[in-house]
C-alpha atoms as a PDB file:
ATOM      1  CA  MET A   1    -149.237 -75.760 130.302  1.00  0.00           C
ATOM      2  CA  LEU A   2    -147.199 -75.784 126.886  1.00  0.00           C
ATOM      3  CA  ALA A   3    -144.240 -74.190 127.444  1.00  0.00           C
ATOM      4  CA  ASP A   4    -140.316 -75.319 125.569  1.00  0.00           C
ATOM      5  CA  TYR A   5    -137.465 -74.598 128.018  1.00  0.00           C
ATOM      6  CA  HIS A   6    -134.809 -75.520 125.925  1.00  0.00           C
ATOM      7  CA  VAL A   7    -134.442 -73.785 122.102  1.00  0.00           C
ATOM      8  CA  HIS A   8    -132.516 -72.208 120.002  1.00  0.00           C
ATOM      9  CA  THR A   9    -131.326 -69.590 117.653  1.00  0.00           C
ATOM     10  CA  GLU A  10    -128.572 -67.727 114.806  1.00  0.00           C
ATOM     11  CA  PHE A  11    -127.436 -66.892 118.173  1.00  0.00           C
ATOM     12  CA  SER A  12    -126.331 -70.033 118.726  1.00  0.00           C
ATOM     13  CA  ASP A  13    -123.013 -71.759 117.138  1.00  0.00           C
ATOM     14  CA  ASP A  14    -124.787 -74.782 115.311  1.00  0.00           C
ATOM     15  CA  SER A  15    -128.078 -72.792 114.814  1.00  0.00           C
ATOM     16  CA  GLN A  16    -129.118 -70.735 112.026  1.00  0.00           C
ATOM     17  CA  GLU A  17    -132.634 -70.042 112.613  1.00  0.00           C
ATOM     18  CA  LEU A  18    -133.871 -66.825 113.599  1.00  0.00           C
ATOM     19  CA  MET A  19    -134.862 -65.961 116.785  1.00  0.00           C
ATOM     20  CA  GLU A  20    -138.062 -64.624 115.164  1.00  0.00           C
ATOM     21  CA  GLU A  21    -139.105 -67.718 113.483  1.00  0.00           C
ATOM     22  CA  GLN A  22    -139.027 -69.630 116.647  1.00  0.00           C
ATOM     23  CA  VAL A  23    -141.128 -67.347 118.229  1.00  0.00           C
ATOM     24  CA  LYS A  24    -143.490 -67.363 115.319  1.00  0.00           C
ATOM     25  CA  LYS A  25    -143.688 -70.959 115.164  1.00  0.00           C
ATOM     26  CA  ALA A  26    -143.946 -71.580 119.395  1.00  0.00           C
ATOM     27  CA  ILE A  27    -147.424 -69.253 118.478  1.00  0.00           C
ATOM     28  CA  ASP A  28    -148.537 -70.935 115.834  1.00  0.00           C
ATOM     29  CA  LEU A  29    -148.111 -74.768 118.124  1.00  0.00           C
ATOM     30  CA  GLY A  30    -150.391 -72.804 120.302  1.00  0.00           C
ATOM     31  CA  LEU A  31    -147.404 -72.334 122.928  1.00  0.00           C
ATOM     32  CA  ASP A  32    -148.051 -70.490 125.999  1.00  0.00           C
ATOM     33  CA  GLU A  33    -144.595 -69.649 127.053  1.00  0.00           C
ATOM     34  CA  LEU A  34    -141.818 -69.876 125.002  1.00  0.00           C
ATOM     35  CA  CYS A  35    -137.657 -69.688 126.307  1.00  0.00           C
ATOM     36  CA  ILE A  36    -134.749 -69.006 124.482  1.00  0.00           C
ATOM     37  CA  THR A  37    -132.024 -70.391 125.507  1.00  0.00           C
ATOM     38  CA  ASP A  38    -128.280 -70.210 123.450  1.00  0.00           C
ATOM     39  CA  HIS A  39    -125.158 -71.419 123.660  1.00  0.00           C
ATOM     40  CA  VAL A  40    -122.438 -70.273 125.855  1.00  0.00           C
ATOM     41  CA  ASP A  41    -119.225 -73.279 126.228  1.00  0.00           C
ATOM     42  CA  TYR A  42    -116.200 -71.374 127.287  1.00  0.00           C
ATOM     43  CA  GLY A  43    -113.101 -73.295 126.969  1.00  0.00           C
ATOM     44  CA  VAL A  44    -113.946 -73.973 123.398  1.00  0.00           C
ATOM     45  CA  LYS A  45    -115.735 -71.446 121.821  1.00  0.00           C
ATOM     46  CA  LYS A  46    -115.001 -67.304 121.931  1.00  0.00           C
ATOM     47  CA  ASP A  47    -116.946 -63.778 123.074  1.00  0.00           C
ATOM     48  CA  TRP A  48    -116.958 -62.054 120.157  1.00  0.00           C
ATOM     49  CA  THR A  49    -115.281 -59.201 122.020  1.00  0.00           C
ATOM     50  CA  GLU A  50    -112.452 -61.609 122.021  1.00  0.00           C
ATOM     51  CA  GLY A  51    -111.271 -61.549 118.117  1.00  0.00           C
ATOM     52  CA  ASP A  52    -109.837 -64.252 116.004  1.00  0.00           C
ATOM     53  CA  ILE A  53    -113.358 -65.893 115.718  1.00  0.00           C
ATOM     54  CA  VAL A  54    -112.709 -69.479 113.804  1.00  0.00           C
ATOM     55  CA  TYR A  55    -115.330 -71.152 111.942  1.00  0.00           C
ATOM     56  CA  ARG A  56    -116.516 -75.405 112.122  1.00  0.00           C
ATOM     57  CA  PRO A  57    -113.763 -77.086 110.323  1.00  0.00           C
ATOM     58  CA  GLY A  58    -115.494 -78.407 107.069  1.00  0.00           C
ATOM     59  CA  ASP A  59    -118.025 -76.679 107.299  1.00  0.00           C
ATOM     60  CA  GLY A  60    -118.795 -73.847 104.721  1.00  0.00           C
ATOM     61  CA  ILE A  61    -117.800 -75.646 101.392  1.00  0.00           C
ATOM     62  CA  GLY A  62    -118.987 -73.371  99.149  1.00  0.00           C
ATOM     63  CA  LEU A  63    -121.167 -70.737 101.371  1.00  0.00           C
ATOM     64  CA  ALA A  64    -120.060 -67.209 101.858  1.00  0.00           C
ATOM     65  CA  ILE A  65    -118.496 -66.303 105.105  1.00  0.00           C
ATOM     66  CA  GLU A  66    -121.128 -64.905 106.583  1.00  0.00           C
ATOM     67  CA  GLU A  67    -123.135 -68.330 105.589  1.00  0.00           C
ATOM     68  CA  GLN A  68    -120.322 -70.585 107.816  1.00  0.00           C
ATOM     69  CA  GLN A  69    -120.652 -71.028 111.479  1.00  0.00           C
ATOM     70  CA  PRO A  70    -118.224 -69.353 113.594  1.00  0.00           C
ATOM     71  CA  LEU A  71    -117.146 -70.772 116.992  1.00  0.00           C
ATOM     72  CA  ALA A  72    -118.750 -68.423 118.948  1.00  0.00           C
ATOM     73  CA  ASN A  73    -120.595 -67.368 121.959  1.00  0.00           C
ATOM     74  CA  VAL A  74    -123.643 -65.681 121.987  1.00  0.00           C
ATOM     75  CA  ASP A  75    -123.635 -61.698 120.715  1.00  0.00           C
ATOM     76  CA  TYR A  76    -124.891 -60.721 124.506  1.00  0.00           C
ATOM     77  CA  PRO A  77    -125.673 -57.455 123.444  1.00  0.00           C
ATOM     78  CA  ALA A  78    -127.282 -58.146 119.775  1.00  0.00           C
ATOM     79  CA  TYR A  79    -128.638 -61.383 121.675  1.00  0.00           C
ATOM     80  CA  PHE A  80    -130.501 -59.522 124.891  1.00  0.00           C
ATOM     81  CA  ALA A  81    -131.938 -56.104 122.387  1.00  0.00           C
ATOM     82  CA  LYS A  82    -133.716 -58.662 119.899  1.00  0.00           C
ATOM     83  CA  PHE A  83    -134.931 -61.303 122.704  1.00  0.00           C
ATOM     84  CA  ARG A  84    -136.065 -57.872 124.356  1.00  0.00           C
ATOM     85  CA  ARG A  85    -137.700 -56.269 121.084  1.00  0.00           C
ATOM     86  CA  LEU A  86    -139.707 -60.101 120.683  1.00  0.00           C
ATOM     87  CA  ARG A  87    -140.893 -60.141 124.327  1.00  0.00           C
ATOM     88  CA  ASP A  88    -142.407 -56.438 123.344  1.00  0.00           C
ATOM     89  CA  GLU A  89    -143.772 -56.969 119.955  1.00  0.00           C
ATOM     90  CA  PHE A  90    -145.536 -60.596 120.899  1.00  0.00           C
ATOM     91  CA  SER A  91    -147.061 -59.841 124.430  1.00  0.00           C
ATOM     92  CA  ARG A  92    -150.344 -60.441 123.595  1.00  0.00           C
ATOM     93  CA  GLU A  93    -149.529 -64.116 121.971  1.00  0.00           C
ATOM     94  CA  ILE A  94    -146.872 -65.667 124.024  1.00  0.00           C
ATOM     95  CA  ASN A  95    -145.213 -65.435 127.232  1.00  0.00           C
ATOM     96  CA  LEU A  96    -141.458 -64.872 126.258  1.00  0.00           C
ATOM     97  CA  ARG A  97    -138.555 -66.007 128.536  1.00  0.00           C
ATOM     98  CA  CYS A  98    -134.756 -65.175 127.941  1.00  0.00           C
ATOM     99  CA  GLY A  99    -132.351 -67.776 129.224  1.00  0.00           C
ATOM    100  CA  LEU A 100    -128.190 -68.855 128.070  1.00  0.00           C
ATOM    101  CA  GLU A 101    -127.115 -72.672 128.150  1.00  0.00           C
ATOM    102  CA  PHE A 102    -123.815 -72.691 129.990  1.00  0.00           C
ATOM    103  CA  GLY A 103    -121.330 -75.495 129.069  1.00  0.00           C
ATOM    104  CA  VAL A 104    -119.634 -75.202 132.319  1.00  0.00           C
ATOM    105  CA  GLN A 105    -116.384 -77.354 132.647  1.00  0.00           C
ATOM    106  CA  THR A 106    -114.838 -76.700 136.862  1.00  0.00           C
ATOM    107  CA  GLY A 107    -111.505 -75.194 134.522  1.00  0.00           C
ATOM    108  CA  THR A 108    -114.380 -72.506 133.105  1.00  0.00           C
ATOM    109  CA  ILE A 109    -116.924 -71.914 136.382  1.00  0.00           C
ATOM    110  CA  HIS A 110    -114.681 -68.338 136.909  1.00  0.00           C
ATOM    111  CA  ARG A 111    -115.967 -67.251 133.555  1.00  0.00           C
ATOM    112  CA  TYR A 112    -119.680 -68.572 134.087  1.00  0.00           C
ATOM    113  CA  GLU A 113    -119.726 -66.171 137.526  1.00  0.00           C
ATOM    114  CA  GLU A 114    -118.292 -63.252 135.481  1.00  0.00           C
ATOM    115  CA  LEU A 115    -121.035 -63.717 133.188  1.00  0.00           C
ATOM    116  CA  PHE A 116    -123.998 -64.811 134.665  1.00  0.00           C
ATOM    117  CA  ALA A 117    -122.749 -61.214 137.432  1.00  0.00           C
ATOM    118  CA  ARG A 118    -122.906 -58.959 134.091  1.00  0.00           C
ATOM    119  CA  TYR A 119    -125.893 -60.142 132.851  1.00  0.00           C
ATOM    120  CA  GLU A 120    -128.331 -61.534 135.931  1.00  0.00           C
ATOM    121  CA  GLN A 121    -130.886 -59.135 135.559  1.00  0.00           C
ATOM    122  CA  GLU A 122    -131.493 -60.395 131.468  1.00  0.00           C
ATOM    123  CA  LEU A 123    -131.840 -64.018 132.811  1.00  0.00           C
ATOM    124  CA  ASP A 124    -135.120 -65.487 133.684  1.00  0.00           C
ATOM    125  CA  PHE A 125    -133.236 -69.372 133.139  1.00  0.00           C
ATOM    126  CA  VAL A 126    -129.804 -70.697 133.103  1.00  0.00           C
ATOM    127  CA  LEU A 127    -129.323 -74.941 131.998  1.00  0.00           C
ATOM    128  CA  LEU A 128    -126.516 -76.242 132.494  1.00  0.00           C
ATOM    129  CA  SER A 129    -125.023 -78.313 130.657  1.00  0.00           C
ATOM    130  CA  ILE A 130    -121.938 -80.282 130.351  1.00  0.00           C
ATOM    131  CA  HIS A 131    -121.009 -80.443 126.992  1.00  0.00           C
ATOM    132  CA  GLN A 132    -117.583 -80.922 126.851  1.00  0.00           C
ATOM    133  CA  VAL A 133    -114.866 -82.212 129.296  1.00  0.00           C
ATOM    134  CA  GLU A 134    -110.902 -80.632 129.881  1.00  0.00           C
ATOM    135  CA  ASN A 135    -111.938 -78.715 126.263  1.00  0.00           C
ATOM    136  CA  LYS A 136    -112.472 -82.964 124.402  1.00  0.00           C
ATOM    137  CA  GLU A 137    -115.340 -83.078 122.891  1.00  0.00           C
ATOM    138  CA  PHE A 138    -118.076 -85.961 122.926  1.00  0.00           C
ATOM    139  CA  TRP A 139    -119.382 -85.461 119.281  1.00  0.00           C
ATOM    140  CA  ASN A 140    -116.105 -86.266 117.765  1.00  0.00           C
ATOM    141  CA  GLN A 141    -115.108 -88.971 119.899  1.00  0.00           C
ATOM    142  CA  GLU A 142    -112.503 -86.614 121.504  1.00  0.00           C
ATOM    143  CA  PHE A 143    -113.415 -86.969 124.776  1.00  0.00           C
ATOM    144  CA  GLN A 144    -113.839 -90.921 124.668  1.00  0.00           C
ATOM    145  CA  GLN A 145    -110.293 -91.626 123.467  1.00  0.00           C
ATOM    146  CA  GLY A 146    -107.968 -93.425 125.590  1.00  0.00           C
ATOM    147  CA  ARG A 147    -110.431 -94.348 127.951  1.00  0.00           C
ATOM    148  CA  THR A 148    -112.975 -97.102 128.612  1.00  0.00           C
ATOM    149  CA  GLN A 149    -116.399 -96.856 128.694  1.00  0.00           C
ATOM    150  CA  LYS A 150    -116.516 -97.234 132.201  1.00  0.00           C
ATOM    151  CA  GLU A 151    -113.650 -94.515 132.385  1.00  0.00           C
ATOM    152  CA  TYR A 152    -115.559 -92.254 130.474  1.00  0.00           C
ATOM    153  CA  ASN A 153    -118.684 -92.430 131.729  1.00  0.00           C
ATOM    154  CA  GLU A 154    -117.308 -91.780 134.990  1.00  0.00           C
ATOM    155  CA  ARG A 155    -114.938 -88.692 134.532  1.00  0.00           C
ATOM    156  CA  TYR A 156    -118.342 -87.747 132.626  1.00  0.00           C
ATOM    157  CA  TYR A 157    -120.040 -87.285 135.835  1.00  0.00           C
ATOM    158  CA  GLN A 158    -117.695 -86.867 138.237  1.00  0.00           C
ATOM    159  CA  GLU A 159    -116.664 -82.997 136.353  1.00  0.00           C
ATOM    160  CA  MET A 160    -120.536 -83.086 136.644  1.00  0.00           C
ATOM    161  CA  TYR A 161    -120.580 -83.830 140.263  1.00  0.00           C
ATOM    162  CA  ASP A 162    -117.699 -80.806 141.044  1.00  0.00           C
ATOM    163  CA  VAL A 163    -119.496 -78.146 138.297  1.00  0.00           C
ATOM    164  CA  ILE A 164    -122.429 -78.113 140.686  1.00  0.00           C
ATOM    165  CA  LYS A 165    -120.791 -78.359 144.126  1.00  0.00           C
ATOM    166  CA  ALA A 166    -119.240 -75.247 142.684  1.00  0.00           C
ATOM    167  CA  PHE A 167    -120.882 -73.437 140.822  1.00  0.00           C
ATOM    168  CA  LYS A 168    -125.254 -72.467 142.162  1.00  0.00           C
ATOM    169  CA  HIS A 169    -125.805 -70.182 139.331  1.00  0.00           C
ATOM    170  CA  TYR A 170    -128.116 -72.219 137.452  1.00  0.00           C
ATOM    171  CA  SER A 171    -132.121 -73.209 137.288  1.00  0.00           C
ATOM    172  CA  VAL A 172    -132.092 -76.501 135.680  1.00  0.00           C
ATOM    173  CA  LEU A 173    -129.598 -79.342 134.600  1.00  0.00           C
ATOM    174  CA  ALA A 174    -129.427 -80.307 130.922  1.00  0.00           C
ATOM    175  CA  HIS A 175    -129.683 -83.489 129.452  1.00  0.00           C
ATOM    176  CA  VAL A 176    -127.965 -85.217 132.510  1.00  0.00           C
ATOM    177  CA  ASN A 177    -127.561 -88.500 131.071  1.00  0.00           C
ATOM    178  CA  LEU A 178    -126.048 -87.066 127.448  1.00  0.00           C
ATOM    179  CA  ILE A 179    -122.724 -88.754 127.133  1.00  0.00           C
ATOM    180  CA  SER A 180    -124.793 -91.969 126.837  1.00  0.00           C
ATOM    181  CA  ARG A 181    -125.958 -90.425 122.816  1.00  0.00           C
ATOM    182  CA  TYR A 182    -122.525 -90.477 121.613  1.00  0.00           C
ATOM    183  CA  ASP A 183    -121.282 -93.588 123.299  1.00  0.00           C
ATOM    184  CA  LYS A 184    -120.487 -95.951 120.905  1.00  0.00           C
ATOM    185  CA  GLN A 185    -119.500 -98.981 122.331  1.00  0.00           C
ATOM    186  CA  GLY A 186    -123.831 -99.176 123.237  1.00  0.00           C
ATOM    187  CA  LYS A 187    -125.494 -98.669 126.367  1.00  0.00           C
ATOM    188  CA  TYR A 188    -123.558 -98.914 129.508  1.00  0.00           C
ATOM    189  CA  PRO A 189    -125.745-100.096 132.311  1.00  0.00           C
ATOM    190  CA  PHE A 190    -127.425 -97.366 134.894  1.00  0.00           C
ATOM    191  CA  ALA A 191    -126.276 -99.354 137.702  1.00  0.00           C
ATOM    192  CA  ALA A 192    -122.656 -98.827 137.275  1.00  0.00           C
ATOM    193  CA  VAL A 193    -123.321 -94.876 137.445  1.00  0.00           C
ATOM    194  CA  ARG A 194    -126.167 -95.430 139.529  1.00  0.00           C
ATOM    195  CA  ASP A 195    -124.395 -94.014 142.740  1.00  0.00           C
ATOM    196  CA  MET A 196    -122.539 -91.097 141.176  1.00  0.00           C
ATOM    197  CA  VAL A 197    -126.200 -90.009 139.508  1.00  0.00           C
ATOM    198  CA  ALA A 198    -127.548 -90.242 142.955  1.00  0.00           C
ATOM    199  CA  GLU A 199    -125.185 -87.918 144.622  1.00  0.00           C
ATOM    200  CA  ILE A 200    -125.860 -85.454 141.599  1.00  0.00           C
ATOM    201  CA  LEU A 201    -129.383 -85.294 141.978  1.00  0.00           C
ATOM    202  CA  LYS A 202    -129.181 -85.174 146.078  1.00  0.00           C
ATOM    203  CA  LEU A 203    -126.805 -82.091 145.378  1.00  0.00           C
ATOM    204  CA  ALA A 204    -128.960 -80.789 142.958  1.00  0.00           C
ATOM    205  CA  ILE A 205    -132.461 -80.650 145.027  1.00  0.00           C
ATOM    206  CA  ALA A 206    -130.418 -79.985 148.116  1.00  0.00           C
ATOM    207  CA  ASP A 207    -129.790 -76.198 146.536  1.00  0.00           C
ATOM    208  CA  GLY A 208    -133.054 -75.803 144.865  1.00  0.00           C
ATOM    209  CA  LYS A 209    -132.504 -77.369 141.393  1.00  0.00           C
ATOM    210  CA  GLY A 210    -134.227 -79.034 138.906  1.00  0.00           C
ATOM    211  CA  ILE A 211    -133.622 -81.419 135.592  1.00  0.00           C
ATOM    212  CA  GLU A 212    -135.031 -81.271 132.245  1.00  0.00           C
ATOM    213  CA  LEU A 213    -136.753 -83.669 130.097  1.00  0.00           C
ATOM    214  CA  ASN A 214    -134.800 -83.160 126.711  1.00  0.00           C
ATOM    215  CA  THR A 215    -137.462 -84.253 123.615  1.00  0.00           C
ATOM    216  CA  SER A 216    -134.603 -84.249 120.948  1.00  0.00           C
ATOM    217  CA  SER A 217    -134.444 -88.315 122.122  1.00  0.00           C
ATOM    218  CA  TRP A 218    -137.286 -89.105 119.173  1.00  0.00           C
ATOM    219  CA  HIS A 219    -135.446 -86.908 116.557  1.00  0.00           C
ATOM    220  CA  TYR A 220    -132.092 -88.687 117.226  1.00  0.00           C
ATOM    221  CA  GLY A 221    -133.846 -92.262 117.845  1.00  0.00           C
ATOM    222  CA  LEU A 222    -132.126 -92.846 121.278  1.00  0.00           C
ATOM    223  CA  ASP A 223    -133.924 -95.690 122.764  1.00  0.00           C
ATOM    224  CA  ASP A 224    -135.216 -94.032 126.082  1.00  0.00           C
ATOM    225  CA  THR A 225    -135.425 -90.601 126.946  1.00  0.00           C
ATOM    226  CA  MET A 226    -133.048 -87.860 127.767  1.00  0.00           C
ATOM    227  CA  PRO A 227    -131.917 -88.595 130.767  1.00  0.00           C
ATOM    228  CA  SER A 228    -133.201 -91.794 130.652  1.00  0.00           C
ATOM    229  CA  ARG A 229    -136.382 -93.565 133.001  1.00  0.00           C
ATOM    230  CA  ASP A 230    -133.788 -94.106 135.425  1.00  0.00           C
ATOM    231  CA  ILE A 231    -133.044 -91.005 136.097  1.00  0.00           C
ATOM    232  CA  LEU A 232    -136.499 -89.190 136.048  1.00  0.00           C
ATOM    233  CA  ARG A 233    -137.655 -91.803 138.734  1.00  0.00           C
ATOM    234  CA  LEU A 234    -134.127 -91.027 141.196  1.00  0.00           C
ATOM    235  CA  TYR A 235    -134.580 -88.001 140.497  1.00  0.00           C
ATOM    236  CA  LYS A 236    -138.510 -87.999 141.591  1.00  0.00           C
ATOM    237  CA  ASP A 237    -137.694 -90.814 144.319  1.00  0.00           C
ATOM    238  CA  LEU A 238    -135.102 -88.471 145.489  1.00  0.00           C
ATOM    239  CA  GLY A 239    -137.335 -85.616 146.501  1.00  0.00           C
ATOM    240  CA  GLY A 240    -137.152 -84.216 143.650  1.00  0.00           C
ATOM    241  CA  LYS A 241    -140.141 -81.728 141.592  1.00  0.00           C
ATOM    242  CA  ILE A 242    -138.819 -79.188 139.788  1.00  0.00           C
ATOM    243  CA  ILE A 243    -139.041 -80.636 136.347  1.00  0.00           C
ATOM    244  CA  THR A 244    -138.918 -78.198 132.963  1.00  0.00           C
ATOM    245  CA  ILE A 245    -139.481 -79.512 129.206  1.00  0.00           C
ATOM    246  CA  GLY A 246    -136.881 -78.844 126.503  1.00  0.00           C
ATOM    247  CA  SER A 247    -137.287 -79.596 122.590  1.00  0.00           C
ATOM    248  CA  ASP A 248    -133.711 -78.772 122.353  1.00  0.00           C
ATOM    249  CA  ALA A 249    -134.522 -77.071 118.827  1.00  0.00           C
ATOM    250  CA  HIS A 250    -132.447 -75.438 116.360  1.00  0.00           C
ATOM    251  CA  SER A 251    -134.548 -74.804 114.219  1.00  0.00           C
ATOM    252  CA  THR A 252    -138.700 -74.627 114.011  1.00  0.00           C
ATOM    253  CA  LYS A 253    -138.513 -78.197 112.883  1.00  0.00           C
ATOM    254  CA  TYR A 254    -138.048 -79.835 116.102  1.00  0.00           C
ATOM    255  CA  LEU A 255    -139.949 -76.594 118.251  1.00  0.00           C
ATOM    256  CA  ALA A 256    -142.095 -78.316 120.646  1.00  0.00           C
ATOM    257  CA  ASP A 257    -140.645 -81.726 119.588  1.00  0.00           C
ATOM    258  CA  HIS A 258    -142.700 -84.832 121.141  1.00  0.00           C
ATOM    259  CA  MET A 259    -143.683 -82.593 124.072  1.00  0.00           C
ATOM    260  CA  ARG A 260    -146.965 -84.086 125.002  1.00  0.00           C
ATOM    261  CA  ASP A 261    -145.236 -87.559 124.425  1.00  0.00           C
ATOM    262  CA  ALA A 262    -142.851 -86.135 127.302  1.00  0.00           C
ATOM    263  CA  TRP A 263    -145.779 -85.558 129.155  1.00  0.00           C
ATOM    264  CA  GLU A 264    -147.129 -89.037 129.212  1.00  0.00           C
ATOM    265  CA  ILE A 265    -144.092 -90.411 130.292  1.00  0.00           C
ATOM    266  CA  LEU A 266    -143.727 -87.803 133.471  1.00  0.00           C
ATOM    267  CA  VAL A 267    -147.286 -88.259 134.600  1.00  0.00           C
ATOM    268  CA  ASN A 268    -148.340 -91.793 133.946  1.00  0.00           C
ATOM    269  CA  GLU A 269    -145.185 -93.395 133.848  1.00  0.00           C
ATOM    270  CA  ILE A 270    -142.893 -91.264 136.618  1.00  0.00           C
ATOM    271  CA  GLY A 271    -145.317 -89.733 138.647  1.00  0.00           C
ATOM    272  CA  PHE A 272    -144.889 -86.104 138.635  1.00  0.00           C
ATOM    273  CA  ALA A 273    -147.769 -83.339 139.305  1.00  0.00           C
ATOM    274  CA  LYS A 274    -146.366 -80.639 138.111  1.00  0.00           C
ATOM    275  CA  ILE A 275    -144.299 -78.793 135.225  1.00  0.00           C
ATOM    276  CA  TYR A 276    -142.162 -75.741 135.922  1.00  0.00           C
ATOM    277  CA  THR A 277    -141.238 -73.176 134.225  1.00  0.00           C
ATOM    278  CA  PHE A 278    -139.471 -69.981 135.413  1.00  0.00           C
ATOM    279  CA  ALA A 279    -139.493 -66.033 135.882  1.00  0.00           C
ATOM    280  CA  HIS A 280    -136.234 -64.025 136.777  1.00  0.00           C
ATOM    281  CA  GLY A 281    -134.464 -67.140 138.248  1.00  0.00           C
ATOM    282  CA  GLU A 282    -137.855 -68.333 140.177  1.00  0.00           C
ATOM    283  CA  PRO A 283    -139.691 -71.847 139.496  1.00  0.00           C
ATOM    284  CA  ILE A 284    -143.217 -71.663 138.906  1.00  0.00           C
ATOM    285  CA  ALA A 285    -145.094 -75.046 139.635  1.00  0.00           C
ATOM    286  CA  HIS A 286    -147.886 -75.895 136.579  1.00  0.00           C
ATOM    287  CA  ASP A 287    -150.409 -78.632 136.474  1.00  0.00           C
ATOM    288  CA  PHE A 288    -149.506 -80.532 133.350  1.00  0.00           C
END
């Protein structure tokens, strides 16, 4: 089973790749299944219906306004309509699944409850990500500023635990140790946060949720998988079984990137026996 379960298109604020191009590339690569998971990040981005959409600072220099990247969530009616059209058009060539990536914070849970209730029937899959904490971003160091390495790592994992304790409308935890990608202080010892991560994974497992192996670690040049092998092993040792593979591709260049390397790690190093896909929110196990 070749399935990429973390893919972005023009409906994400940080991608300009057309959905149809991601689908065509997936077919060319021989994928059995593709799940589109465009971004929703309440707290730092608006829905299109709210108006007054702003554009990324510093972006779009010399570009027409329509070519700039808006800081907005998915245009839901257009997104679902286009997905349905492409699903029908390419149904004989690939199995397409519809997802979203929810960048949840404790203070925005109510927005995601409302969103999920509105579009539950459209969704096969929901990634849950911690992209911001207190509406502060990681990539620009706003979240880390004024905190020690210990403080921002622990605050990140505490937010993740608090979110999944209260919010259950998701399928899989995405890139569990995302904070490490933006840690300019160097690699933080896993032992220092192991107990916190274990509590997160225990709760996810008890709720019937999974985690993903996000292959973007290869093209970002990270020194380990995302999440790390330590986290993958811990999840399995605690009884976790549901795992997906996602490229986090924002362009066709990285679609299904290093998927077979991910397979090798999951099967031969960690010992997983199955890979999972989803339909209407239900996990489906497949042999590797």
